[in-house]
């Protein structure tokens, strides 16, 4: 694919991630919300592989800066892990069920473990309290991420990518 076209689509993906993350939030518990930007992240990882990681990382950073004014280092590191793992493994299989399994494990590790550890260390918070919140956040984020994986083939076909 033309590199200009790829860069354009990735930029549009970042913008869509930010819009969905910023506007469509379903509150769960204690400031944890379902983030529909993950839907876009899942689609772009399926279509572009590792290159789609930029959609999740930059989308996460920009939407958090707009929403709360904070730089989300823990979230960004979790997104980076998810993008690199899923992006590289999604290119090796077209099996949607396998992609969903990979995605659930990657989101659990990226958000439930990596983000939680980074935030516990940075902000000197008790790991036991952060771990439960991290697990809830990973489930909340895995749902739209999986929806994006399931929709990715239709999006790819519609955009003729």
N, C-alpha and C. Protein backbone atom coordinates (compact mmCIF):
# COMPACT_ATOMS: atom_id res chain seq x y z
N UNK A 1 0.85 -1.18 0.00
CA UNK A 1 0.00 0.00 0.00
C UNK A 1 0.89 1.24 0.00
N UNK A 2 0.42 2.26 -0.64
CA UNK A 2 1.09 3.54 -0.71
C UNK A 2 1.34 4.08 0.70
N UNK A 3 2.56 4.53 0.98
CA UNK A 3 2.88 4.99 2.33
C UNK A 3 2.11 6.26 2.71
N UNK A 4 1.84 7.13 1.74
CA UNK A 4 1.04 8.32 2.05
C UNK A 4 -0.38 7.93 2.46
N UNK A 5 -0.91 6.93 1.78
CA UNK A 5 -2.26 6.46 2.11
C UNK A 5 -2.27 5.83 3.51
N UNK A 6 -1.24 5.07 3.82
CA UNK A 6 -1.13 4.44 5.15
C UNK A 6 -1.06 5.51 6.24
N UNK A 7 -0.21 6.51 6.04
CA UNK A 7 -0.06 7.57 7.03
C UNK A 7 -1.38 8.32 7.20
N UNK A 8 -2.07 8.56 6.10
CA UNK A 8 -3.37 9.25 6.17
C UNK A 8 -4.38 8.43 6.96
N UNK A 9 -4.49 7.14 6.66
CA UNK A 9 -5.42 6.29 7.40
C UNK A 9 -5.06 6.19 8.87
N UNK A 10 -3.77 6.08 9.18
CA UNK A 10 -3.36 6.02 10.59
C UNK A 10 -3.69 7.32 11.31
N UNK A 11 -3.49 8.46 10.64
CA UNK A 11 -3.87 9.74 11.23
C UNK A 11 -5.37 9.83 11.48
N UNK A 12 -6.14 9.33 10.52
CA UNK A 12 -7.60 9.31 10.70
C UNK A 12 -7.98 8.37 11.84
N UNK A 13 -7.25 7.28 11.98
CA UNK A 13 -7.50 6.34 13.08
C UNK A 13 -7.23 6.98 14.43
N UNK A 14 -6.14 7.74 14.53
CA UNK A 14 -5.83 8.44 15.78
C UNK A 14 -6.95 9.43 16.11
N UNK A 15 -7.38 10.18 15.10
CA UNK A 15 -8.46 11.16 15.33
C UNK A 15 -9.75 10.46 15.75
N UNK A 16 -10.09 9.36 15.11
CA UNK A 16 -11.30 8.64 15.47
C UNK A 16 -11.19 8.04 16.87
N UNK A 17 -10.02 7.52 17.21
CA UNK A 17 -9.78 7.01 18.56
C UNK A 17 -10.05 8.11 19.59
N UNK A 18 -9.49 9.30 19.35
CA UNK A 18 -9.64 10.42 20.29
C UNK A 18 -11.12 10.80 20.41
N UNK A 19 -11.80 10.91 19.28
CA UNK A 19 -13.21 11.32 19.31
C UNK A 19 -14.05 10.30 20.09
N UNK A 20 -13.86 9.02 19.80
CA UNK A 20 -14.64 8.00 20.50
C UNK A 20 -14.27 7.92 21.99
N UNK A 21 -12.99 8.05 22.30
CA UNK A 21 -12.56 8.00 23.70
C UNK A 21 -13.06 9.20 24.48
N UNK A 22 -13.09 10.34 23.83
CA UNK A 22 -13.45 11.58 24.50
C UNK A 22 -14.96 11.73 24.67
N UNK A 23 -15.72 11.19 23.73
CA UNK A 23 -17.16 11.44 23.74
C UNK A 23 -18.01 10.26 24.20
N UNK A 24 -17.58 9.05 23.93
CA UNK A 24 -18.39 7.88 24.27
C UNK A 24 -17.73 7.14 25.43
N UNK A 25 -18.21 7.42 26.63
CA UNK A 25 -17.66 6.78 27.82
C UNK A 25 -18.81 6.24 28.66
N UNK A 26 -18.71 4.97 29.02
CA UNK A 26 -19.70 4.36 29.89
C UNK A 26 -19.05 4.18 31.25
N UNK A 27 -19.48 4.94 32.26
CA UNK A 27 -18.86 4.83 33.58
C UNK A 27 -19.18 3.48 34.23
N UNK A 28 -18.17 2.90 34.84
CA UNK A 28 -18.35 1.62 35.53
C UNK A 28 -18.22 1.84 37.04
N UNK A 29 -16.99 1.79 37.54
CA UNK A 29 -16.77 2.02 38.97
C UNK A 29 -15.55 2.91 39.17
N UNK A 30 -15.61 3.76 40.18
CA UNK A 30 -14.46 4.53 40.65
C UNK A 30 -13.62 5.12 39.52
N UNK A 31 -14.21 5.91 38.68
CA UNK A 31 -13.57 6.59 37.56
C UNK A 31 -13.04 5.65 36.47
N UNK A 32 -13.53 4.45 36.41
CA UNK A 32 -13.18 3.53 35.32
C UNK A 32 -14.33 3.57 34.33
N UNK A 33 -13.99 3.80 33.07
CA UNK A 33 -14.99 3.90 32.02
C UNK A 33 -14.62 2.99 30.86
N UNK A 34 -15.63 2.50 30.17
CA UNK A 34 -15.38 1.76 28.94
C UNK A 34 -14.91 2.76 27.89
N UNK A 35 -13.79 2.46 27.25
CA UNK A 35 -13.17 3.38 26.30
C UNK A 35 -13.39 2.84 24.88
N UNK A 36 -14.27 3.50 24.12
CA UNK A 36 -14.58 3.03 22.78
C UNK A 36 -13.50 3.35 21.75
N UNK A 37 -12.45 4.05 22.16
CA UNK A 37 -11.30 4.22 21.29
C UNK A 37 -10.64 2.87 20.99
N UNK A 38 -10.79 1.92 21.91
CA UNK A 38 -10.23 0.58 21.71
C UNK A 38 -10.85 -0.12 20.51
N UNK A 39 -12.06 0.24 20.15
CA UNK A 39 -12.70 -0.32 18.97
C UNK A 39 -11.86 0.03 17.74
N UNK A 40 -11.46 1.28 17.63
CA UNK A 40 -10.63 1.74 16.52
C UNK A 40 -9.25 1.08 16.58
N UNK A 41 -8.71 0.98 17.77
CA UNK A 41 -7.40 0.34 17.97
C UNK A 41 -7.42 -1.10 17.45
N UNK A 42 -8.45 -1.84 17.78
CA UNK A 42 -8.58 -3.23 17.31
C UNK A 42 -8.65 -3.32 15.80
N UNK A 43 -9.43 -2.44 15.18
CA UNK A 43 -9.56 -2.43 13.73
C UNK A 43 -8.20 -2.17 13.08
N UNK A 44 -7.50 -1.15 13.55
CA UNK A 44 -6.23 -0.78 12.91
C UNK A 44 -5.12 -1.80 13.15
N UNK A 45 -5.14 -2.48 14.27
CA UNK A 45 -4.14 -3.53 14.47
C UNK A 45 -4.40 -4.70 13.53
N UNK A 46 -5.66 -5.01 13.29
CA UNK A 46 -5.97 -6.10 12.36
C UNK A 46 -5.60 -5.74 10.93
N UNK A 47 -5.81 -4.51 10.55
CA UNK A 47 -5.53 -4.09 9.17
C UNK A 47 -4.05 -3.83 8.93
N UNK A 48 -3.39 -3.12 9.85
CA UNK A 48 -2.01 -2.68 9.63
C UNK A 48 -0.96 -3.43 10.43
N UNK A 49 -1.35 -4.24 11.37
CA UNK A 49 -0.37 -4.93 12.19
C UNK A 49 0.29 -3.97 13.17
N UNK A 50 1.59 -4.12 13.34
CA UNK A 50 2.34 -3.33 14.33
C UNK A 50 2.21 -1.83 14.08
N UNK A 51 2.10 -1.42 12.82
CA UNK A 51 1.95 0.01 12.51
C UNK A 51 0.71 0.60 13.17
N UNK A 52 -0.32 -0.21 13.38
CA UNK A 52 -1.53 0.25 14.03
C UNK A 52 -1.34 0.62 15.49
N UNK A 53 -0.20 0.25 16.06
CA UNK A 53 0.10 0.58 17.46
C UNK A 53 0.06 2.08 17.69
N UNK A 54 0.48 2.83 16.69
CA UNK A 54 0.51 4.29 16.83
C UNK A 54 -0.89 4.85 17.08
N UNK A 55 -1.92 4.20 16.53
CA UNK A 55 -3.30 4.65 16.74
C UNK A 55 -3.66 4.56 18.22
N UNK A 56 -3.33 3.43 18.85
CA UNK A 56 -3.67 3.25 20.26
C UNK A 56 -2.84 4.10 21.19
N UNK A 57 -1.55 4.20 20.94
CA UNK A 57 -0.67 4.94 21.85
C UNK A 57 -0.94 6.45 21.76
N UNK A 58 -0.90 7.00 20.55
CA UNK A 58 -1.14 8.44 20.40
C UNK A 58 -2.59 8.79 20.70
N UNK A 59 -3.51 7.94 20.30
CA UNK A 59 -4.92 8.20 20.62
C UNK A 59 -5.15 8.25 22.12
N UNK A 60 -4.53 7.33 22.84
CA UNK A 60 -4.64 7.29 24.31
C UNK A 60 -4.05 8.55 24.93
N UNK A 61 -2.87 8.94 24.49
CA UNK A 61 -2.20 10.11 25.05
C UNK A 61 -3.01 11.37 24.78
N UNK A 62 -3.42 11.57 23.54
CA UNK A 62 -4.15 12.79 23.17
C UNK A 62 -5.50 12.85 23.89
N UNK A 63 -6.24 11.74 23.91
CA UNK A 63 -7.56 11.77 24.55
C UNK A 63 -7.45 12.01 26.05
N UNK A 64 -6.43 11.45 26.70
CA UNK A 64 -6.24 11.70 28.13
C UNK A 64 -5.82 13.14 28.40
N UNK A 65 -4.97 13.68 27.56
CA UNK A 65 -4.58 15.09 27.73
C UNK A 65 -5.79 16.01 27.58
N UNK A 66 -6.65 15.70 26.62
CA UNK A 66 -7.86 16.52 26.43
C UNK A 66 -8.87 16.32 27.55
N UNK A 67 -9.04 15.08 27.98
CA UNK A 67 -10.08 14.76 28.95
C UNK A 67 -9.70 15.18 30.37
N UNK A 68 -8.46 14.86 30.78
CA UNK A 68 -8.09 15.13 32.17
C UNK A 68 -6.87 16.02 32.33
N UNK A 69 -6.18 16.32 31.23
CA UNK A 69 -5.00 17.17 31.31
C UNK A 69 -3.77 16.47 31.85
N UNK A 70 -3.80 15.14 31.93
CA UNK A 70 -2.66 14.38 32.46
C UNK A 70 -2.04 13.53 31.36
N UNK A 71 -0.73 13.30 31.50
CA UNK A 71 -0.03 12.41 30.57
C UNK A 71 -0.11 11.00 31.14
N UNK A 72 -0.75 10.08 30.43
CA UNK A 72 -1.02 8.75 30.96
C UNK A 72 0.10 7.75 30.68
N UNK A 73 1.22 7.87 31.37
CA UNK A 73 2.37 7.01 31.08
C UNK A 73 2.04 5.52 31.24
N UNK A 74 1.30 5.17 32.27
CA UNK A 74 0.93 3.76 32.48
C UNK A 74 0.05 3.24 31.36
N UNK A 75 -0.96 4.04 30.99
CA UNK A 75 -1.86 3.64 29.91
C UNK A 75 -1.09 3.53 28.59
N UNK A 76 -0.21 4.50 28.32
CA UNK A 76 0.55 4.49 27.07
C UNK A 76 1.44 3.26 26.98
N UNK A 77 2.06 2.89 28.10
CA UNK A 77 2.91 1.70 28.08
C UNK A 77 2.08 0.43 27.89
N UNK A 78 0.91 0.39 28.50
CA UNK A 78 0.00 -0.73 28.29
C UNK A 78 -0.44 -0.83 26.84
N UNK A 79 -0.78 0.33 26.25
CA UNK A 79 -1.20 0.36 24.84
C UNK A 79 -0.05 -0.09 23.93
N UNK A 80 1.15 0.35 24.26
CA UNK A 80 2.32 -0.04 23.47
C UNK A 80 2.48 -1.56 23.48
N UNK A 81 2.36 -2.16 24.65
CA UNK A 81 2.46 -3.62 24.76
C UNK A 81 1.38 -4.30 23.92
N UNK A 82 0.14 -3.85 24.09
CA UNK A 82 -0.98 -4.44 23.36
C UNK A 82 -0.75 -4.32 21.86
N UNK A 83 -0.35 -3.15 21.42
CA UNK A 83 -0.14 -2.93 19.99
C UNK A 83 0.96 -3.78 19.40
N UNK A 84 2.08 -3.87 20.10
CA UNK A 84 3.20 -4.66 19.58
C UNK A 84 2.88 -6.15 19.55
N UNK A 85 2.26 -6.65 20.60
CA UNK A 85 1.92 -8.07 20.66
C UNK A 85 0.83 -8.41 19.64
N UNK A 86 -0.28 -7.69 19.72
CA UNK A 86 -1.40 -8.00 18.82
C UNK A 86 -1.04 -7.70 17.37
N UNK A 87 -0.38 -6.57 17.14
CA UNK A 87 -0.01 -6.21 15.77
C UNK A 87 0.86 -7.25 15.10
N UNK A 88 1.82 -7.79 15.84
CA UNK A 88 2.70 -8.81 15.24
C UNK A 88 2.00 -10.16 15.10
N UNK A 89 1.16 -10.52 16.06
CA UNK A 89 0.50 -11.82 15.98
C UNK A 89 -0.72 -11.82 15.06
N UNK A 90 -1.42 -10.70 14.94
CA UNK A 90 -2.59 -10.64 14.07
C UNK A 90 -2.21 -10.83 12.61
N UNK A 91 -1.02 -10.40 12.23
CA UNK A 91 -0.57 -10.55 10.84
C UNK A 91 -0.28 -12.02 10.49
N UNK A 92 -0.11 -12.85 11.52
CA UNK A 92 0.21 -14.25 11.29
C UNK A 92 -1.02 -15.15 11.21
N UNK A 93 -2.19 -14.60 11.54
CA UNK A 93 -3.40 -15.41 11.49
C UNK A 93 -4.59 -14.58 11.04
N UNK A 94 -5.47 -15.21 10.31
CA UNK A 94 -6.73 -14.57 9.90
C UNK A 94 -7.89 -15.09 10.75
N UNK A 95 -7.61 -16.05 11.63
CA UNK A 95 -8.63 -16.67 12.46
C UNK A 95 -9.12 -15.68 13.52
N UNK A 96 -10.37 -15.28 13.40
CA UNK A 96 -10.93 -14.27 14.30
C UNK A 96 -10.96 -14.74 15.75
N UNK A 97 -11.30 -16.00 15.97
CA UNK A 97 -11.36 -16.52 17.34
C UNK A 97 -9.98 -16.48 17.99
N UNK A 98 -8.95 -16.82 17.25
CA UNK A 98 -7.58 -16.77 17.78
C UNK A 98 -7.17 -15.33 18.04
N UNK A 99 -7.55 -14.42 17.16
CA UNK A 99 -7.25 -13.01 17.38
C UNK A 99 -7.92 -12.49 18.65
N UNK A 100 -9.16 -12.90 18.87
CA UNK A 100 -9.89 -12.48 20.07
C UNK A 100 -9.19 -12.99 21.33
N UNK A 101 -8.75 -14.25 21.30
CA UNK A 101 -8.04 -14.82 22.45
C UNK A 101 -6.74 -14.05 22.70
N UNK A 102 -5.98 -13.81 21.65
CA UNK A 102 -4.72 -13.05 21.78
C UNK A 102 -5.00 -11.67 22.35
N UNK A 103 -6.06 -11.03 21.84
CA UNK A 103 -6.42 -9.68 22.29
C UNK A 103 -6.77 -9.65 23.77
N UNK A 104 -7.56 -10.61 24.22
CA UNK A 104 -7.96 -10.63 25.63
C UNK A 104 -6.76 -10.80 26.55
N UNK A 105 -5.85 -11.69 26.18
CA UNK A 105 -4.64 -11.90 26.98
C UNK A 105 -3.77 -10.65 26.96
N UNK A 106 -3.60 -10.05 25.77
CA UNK A 106 -2.75 -8.86 25.65
C UNK A 106 -3.32 -7.68 26.44
N UNK A 107 -4.64 -7.48 26.39
CA UNK A 107 -5.25 -6.38 27.14
C UNK A 107 -5.12 -6.64 28.64
N UNK A 108 -5.31 -7.87 29.06
CA UNK A 108 -5.15 -8.20 30.48
C UNK A 108 -3.73 -7.87 30.94
N UNK A 109 -2.73 -8.28 30.17
CA UNK A 109 -1.34 -8.02 30.56
C UNK A 109 -1.02 -6.53 30.44
N UNK A 110 -1.42 -5.91 29.31
CA UNK A 110 -1.10 -4.51 29.07
C UNK A 110 -1.74 -3.56 30.07
N UNK A 111 -3.02 -3.75 30.32
CA UNK A 111 -3.74 -2.83 31.21
C UNK A 111 -3.76 -3.36 32.65
N UNK A 112 -4.14 -4.64 32.80
CA UNK A 112 -4.27 -5.21 34.13
C UNK A 112 -2.95 -5.35 34.87
N UNK A 113 -1.85 -5.57 34.14
CA UNK A 113 -0.56 -5.78 34.80
C UNK A 113 0.39 -4.60 34.58
N UNK A 114 0.74 -4.32 33.32
CA UNK A 114 1.76 -3.29 33.04
C UNK A 114 1.31 -1.91 33.53
N UNK A 115 0.12 -1.47 33.10
CA UNK A 115 -0.38 -0.16 33.53
C UNK A 115 -0.46 -0.07 35.05
N UNK A 116 -0.94 -1.14 35.65
CA UNK A 116 -1.10 -1.16 37.10
C UNK A 116 0.25 -1.06 37.81
N UNK A 117 1.22 -1.81 37.35
CA UNK A 117 2.55 -1.76 37.96
C UNK A 117 3.20 -0.39 37.79
N UNK A 118 3.12 0.16 36.59
CA UNK A 118 3.72 1.47 36.32
C UNK A 118 3.09 2.53 37.22
N UNK A 119 1.76 2.55 37.30
CA UNK A 119 1.10 3.56 38.13
C UNK A 119 1.37 3.35 39.62
N UNK A 120 1.45 2.10 40.05
CA UNK A 120 1.76 1.83 41.46
C UNK A 120 3.15 2.33 41.81
N UNK A 121 4.10 2.10 40.91
CA UNK A 121 5.47 2.55 41.16
C UNK A 121 5.61 4.07 41.06
N UNK A 122 5.00 4.67 40.05
CA UNK A 122 5.11 6.11 39.85
C UNK A 122 4.44 6.92 40.95
N UNK A 123 3.27 6.48 41.36
CA UNK A 123 2.48 7.27 42.30
C UNK A 123 2.50 6.70 43.72
N UNK A 124 3.34 5.68 43.94
CA UNK A 124 3.49 5.07 45.25
C UNK A 124 2.14 4.66 45.85
N UNK A 125 1.36 3.95 45.04
CA UNK A 125 0.05 3.47 45.46
C UNK A 125 0.14 1.99 45.79
N UNK A 126 -0.68 1.51 46.70
CA UNK A 126 -0.64 0.08 47.04
C UNK A 126 -1.07 -0.77 45.84
N UNK A 127 -0.26 -1.74 45.52
CA UNK A 127 -0.51 -2.61 44.37
C UNK A 127 -1.82 -3.38 44.51
N UNK A 128 -2.16 -3.79 45.71
CA UNK A 128 -3.39 -4.57 45.91
C UNK A 128 -4.63 -3.77 45.52
N UNK A 129 -4.67 -2.50 45.84
CA UNK A 129 -5.82 -1.67 45.48
C UNK A 129 -5.84 -1.38 43.99
N UNK A 130 -4.68 -1.11 43.40
CA UNK A 130 -4.59 -0.80 41.97
C UNK A 130 -4.86 -2.03 41.12
N UNK A 131 -4.50 -3.21 41.61
CA UNK A 131 -4.64 -4.42 40.79
C UNK A 131 -6.10 -4.72 40.49
N UNK A 132 -6.98 -4.58 41.45
CA UNK A 132 -8.42 -4.84 41.23
C UNK A 132 -8.96 -3.84 40.20
N UNK A 133 -8.61 -2.58 40.35
CA UNK A 133 -9.04 -1.56 39.39
C UNK A 133 -8.48 -1.85 38.00
N UNK A 134 -7.23 -2.31 37.95
CA UNK A 134 -6.61 -2.65 36.67
C UNK A 134 -7.32 -3.80 35.98
N UNK A 135 -7.75 -4.79 36.77
CA UNK A 135 -8.50 -5.91 36.19
C UNK A 135 -9.84 -5.45 35.63
N UNK A 136 -10.53 -4.60 36.37
CA UNK A 136 -11.82 -4.08 35.90
C UNK A 136 -11.60 -3.26 34.62
N UNK A 137 -10.57 -2.43 34.61
CA UNK A 137 -10.27 -1.62 33.44
C UNK A 137 -9.91 -2.49 32.24
N UNK A 138 -9.18 -3.58 32.47
CA UNK A 138 -8.81 -4.45 31.35
C UNK A 138 -10.04 -5.12 30.73
N UNK A 139 -10.98 -5.52 31.55
CA UNK A 139 -12.22 -6.11 31.03
C UNK A 139 -13.03 -5.05 30.28
N UNK A 140 -13.12 -3.86 30.87
CA UNK A 140 -13.87 -2.77 30.24
C UNK A 140 -13.29 -2.38 28.89
N UNK A 141 -11.97 -2.45 28.75
CA UNK A 141 -11.32 -2.09 27.49
C UNK A 141 -11.28 -3.24 26.50
N UNK A 142 -11.30 -4.47 26.99
CA UNK A 142 -11.25 -5.63 26.11
C UNK A 142 -12.54 -5.75 25.28
N UNK A 143 -13.67 -5.34 25.83
CA UNK A 143 -14.94 -5.50 25.12
C UNK A 143 -14.96 -4.70 23.81
N UNK A 144 -14.70 -3.38 23.82
CA UNK A 144 -14.69 -2.67 22.53
C UNK A 144 -13.51 -3.09 21.64
N UNK A 145 -12.40 -3.50 22.25
CA UNK A 145 -11.25 -3.96 21.47
C UNK A 145 -11.63 -5.19 20.65
N UNK A 146 -12.30 -6.13 21.29
CA UNK A 146 -12.76 -7.35 20.61
C UNK A 146 -13.79 -7.00 19.53
N UNK A 147 -14.67 -6.05 19.83
CA UNK A 147 -15.65 -5.62 18.82
C UNK A 147 -14.94 -5.07 17.59
N UNK A 148 -13.86 -4.32 17.79
CA UNK A 148 -13.08 -3.80 16.68
C UNK A 148 -12.44 -4.90 15.86
N UNK A 149 -11.97 -5.94 16.52
CA UNK A 149 -11.37 -7.08 15.81
C UNK A 149 -12.43 -7.77 14.95
N UNK A 150 -13.60 -7.94 15.51
CA UNK A 150 -14.68 -8.60 14.77
C UNK A 150 -15.12 -7.75 13.57
N UNK A 151 -15.15 -6.44 13.73
CA UNK A 151 -15.58 -5.55 12.65
C UNK A 151 -14.49 -5.24 11.63
N UNK A 152 -13.26 -5.59 11.91
CA UNK A 152 -12.13 -5.16 11.07
C UNK A 152 -12.23 -5.60 9.62
N UNK A 153 -12.70 -6.80 9.37
CA UNK A 153 -12.80 -7.27 7.98
C UNK A 153 -13.83 -6.47 7.20
N UNK A 154 -14.93 -6.10 7.84
CA UNK A 154 -15.94 -5.29 7.17
C UNK A 154 -15.41 -3.89 6.91
N UNK A 155 -14.69 -3.33 7.85
CA UNK A 155 -14.09 -1.99 7.67
C UNK A 155 -13.07 -2.03 6.54
N UNK A 156 -12.24 -3.04 6.55
CA UNK A 156 -11.20 -3.18 5.52
C UNK A 156 -11.84 -3.29 4.14
N UNK A 157 -12.90 -4.04 4.06
CA UNK A 157 -13.61 -4.21 2.78
C UNK A 157 -14.27 -2.90 2.36
N UNK A 158 -14.89 -2.20 3.30
CA UNK A 158 -15.57 -0.94 2.99
C UNK A 158 -14.58 0.14 2.53
N UNK A 159 -13.40 0.17 3.16
CA UNK A 159 -12.39 1.18 2.80
C UNK A 159 -11.51 0.74 1.64
N UNK A 160 -11.66 -0.51 1.25
CA UNK A 160 -10.85 -1.09 0.16
C UNK A 160 -9.35 -0.97 0.45
N UNK A 161 -9.00 -1.40 1.65
CA UNK A 161 -7.59 -1.34 2.09
C UNK A 161 -6.96 -2.69 1.80
